[in-house]
Protein backbone atom coordinates (compact mmCIF):
# COMPACT_ATOMS: atom_id res chain seq x y z
CA MET A 1 -2.73 -19.34 1.86
CA LEU A 2 -5.39 -16.63 1.63
CA TYR A 3 -8.83 -17.86 0.36
CA ILE A 4 -11.41 -15.37 -0.60
CA GLN A 5 -14.92 -16.61 -1.50
CA PRO A 6 -16.62 -14.82 -4.40
CA GLY A 7 -19.63 -12.80 -3.41
CA LYS A 8 -18.34 -11.96 0.16
CA PRO A 9 -17.56 -8.24 0.11
CA THR A 10 -16.49 -8.18 3.75
CA GLN A 11 -13.67 -10.61 2.92
CA ASN A 12 -12.45 -8.49 0.11
CA ALA A 13 -12.57 -5.23 1.79
CA TYR A 14 -8.92 -4.98 2.90
CA ILE A 15 -7.71 -6.05 -0.53
CA GLU A 16 -9.83 -3.63 -2.36
CA ARG A 17 -8.67 -0.81 -0.09
CA VAL A 18 -5.11 -1.64 -0.82
CA ASN A 19 -5.76 -1.90 -4.50
CA ARG A 20 -7.55 1.49 -4.34
CA THR A 21 -4.72 3.14 -2.47
CA ALA A 22 -2.02 1.73 -4.93
CA ARG A 23 -4.00 2.82 -7.93
CA HIS A 24 -4.54 6.46 -6.65
CA GLU A 25 -1.16 6.95 -5.01
CA TRP A 26 1.10 5.03 -7.56
CA LEU A 27 -0.48 3.86 -10.73
CA ASP A 28 -2.46 7.01 -11.72
CA MET A 29 0.64 9.32 -10.94
CA HIS A 30 3.18 7.67 -13.28
CA LEU A 31 3.88 6.83 -16.91
CA PHE A 32 5.99 3.85 -17.10
CA HIS A 33 8.77 3.46 -19.75
CA SER A 34 9.38 -0.32 -18.99
CA VAL A 35 8.55 -3.06 -16.73
CA ALA A 36 11.69 -2.42 -14.84
CA HIS A 37 10.71 1.19 -14.36
CA ALA A 38 7.34 0.18 -13.01
CA GLN A 39 8.91 -2.30 -10.64
CA LEU A 40 11.30 0.38 -9.35
CA LEU A 41 8.40 2.82 -8.71
CA ALA A 42 6.46 0.18 -7.13
CA THR A 43 9.17 -0.80 -4.71
CA GLN A 44 9.70 2.88 -3.77
CA TRP A 45 5.99 3.40 -3.22
CA LEU A 46 5.60 0.29 -1.11
CA TRP A 47 8.48 1.21 1.11
CA SER A 48 7.07 4.67 1.64
CA TYR A 49 3.52 3.26 2.21
CA ASN A 50 4.84 0.85 4.82
CA ASN A 51 7.28 3.14 6.58
CA GLU A 52 6.54 6.83 6.03
CA ARG A 53 2.78 7.39 5.81
CA PRO A 54 0.81 8.17 8.99
CA ASN A 55 -1.12 5.15 10.05
CA THR A 56 -4.34 5.85 11.98
CA ALA A 57 -4.13 2.36 13.57
CA ILE A 58 -1.11 3.48 15.50
CA GLY A 59 -2.18 6.93 16.46
CA GLY A 60 -1.67 8.75 13.12
CA ILE A 61 2.15 8.45 13.28
CA PRO A 62 4.46 6.80 10.67
CA PRO A 63 5.33 3.15 11.66
CA ARG A 64 8.95 4.10 11.35
CA TRP A 65 8.52 6.64 14.29
CA LEU A 66 6.89 3.86 16.32
CA LEU A 67 9.92 1.49 15.72
CA GLN A 68 12.46 4.25 16.61
CA ALA A 69 10.59 4.99 19.87
CA ALA A 70 10.77 1.30 20.92
């Protein structure tokens, strides 16, 4: 279980970064017609975020490339 104490910005940095990225790359780019539509677009964005976007922590390559090379 993740516990974040109020008033400790360093503990919230990762969550704030993910929230900002989701807001800029997903929420701000779409108009949702229903909850199901929002869930579909969220699932598609999350898959792309976790598999296709370059990740600087692993040398600026998409994680999928790293898995294929293994």
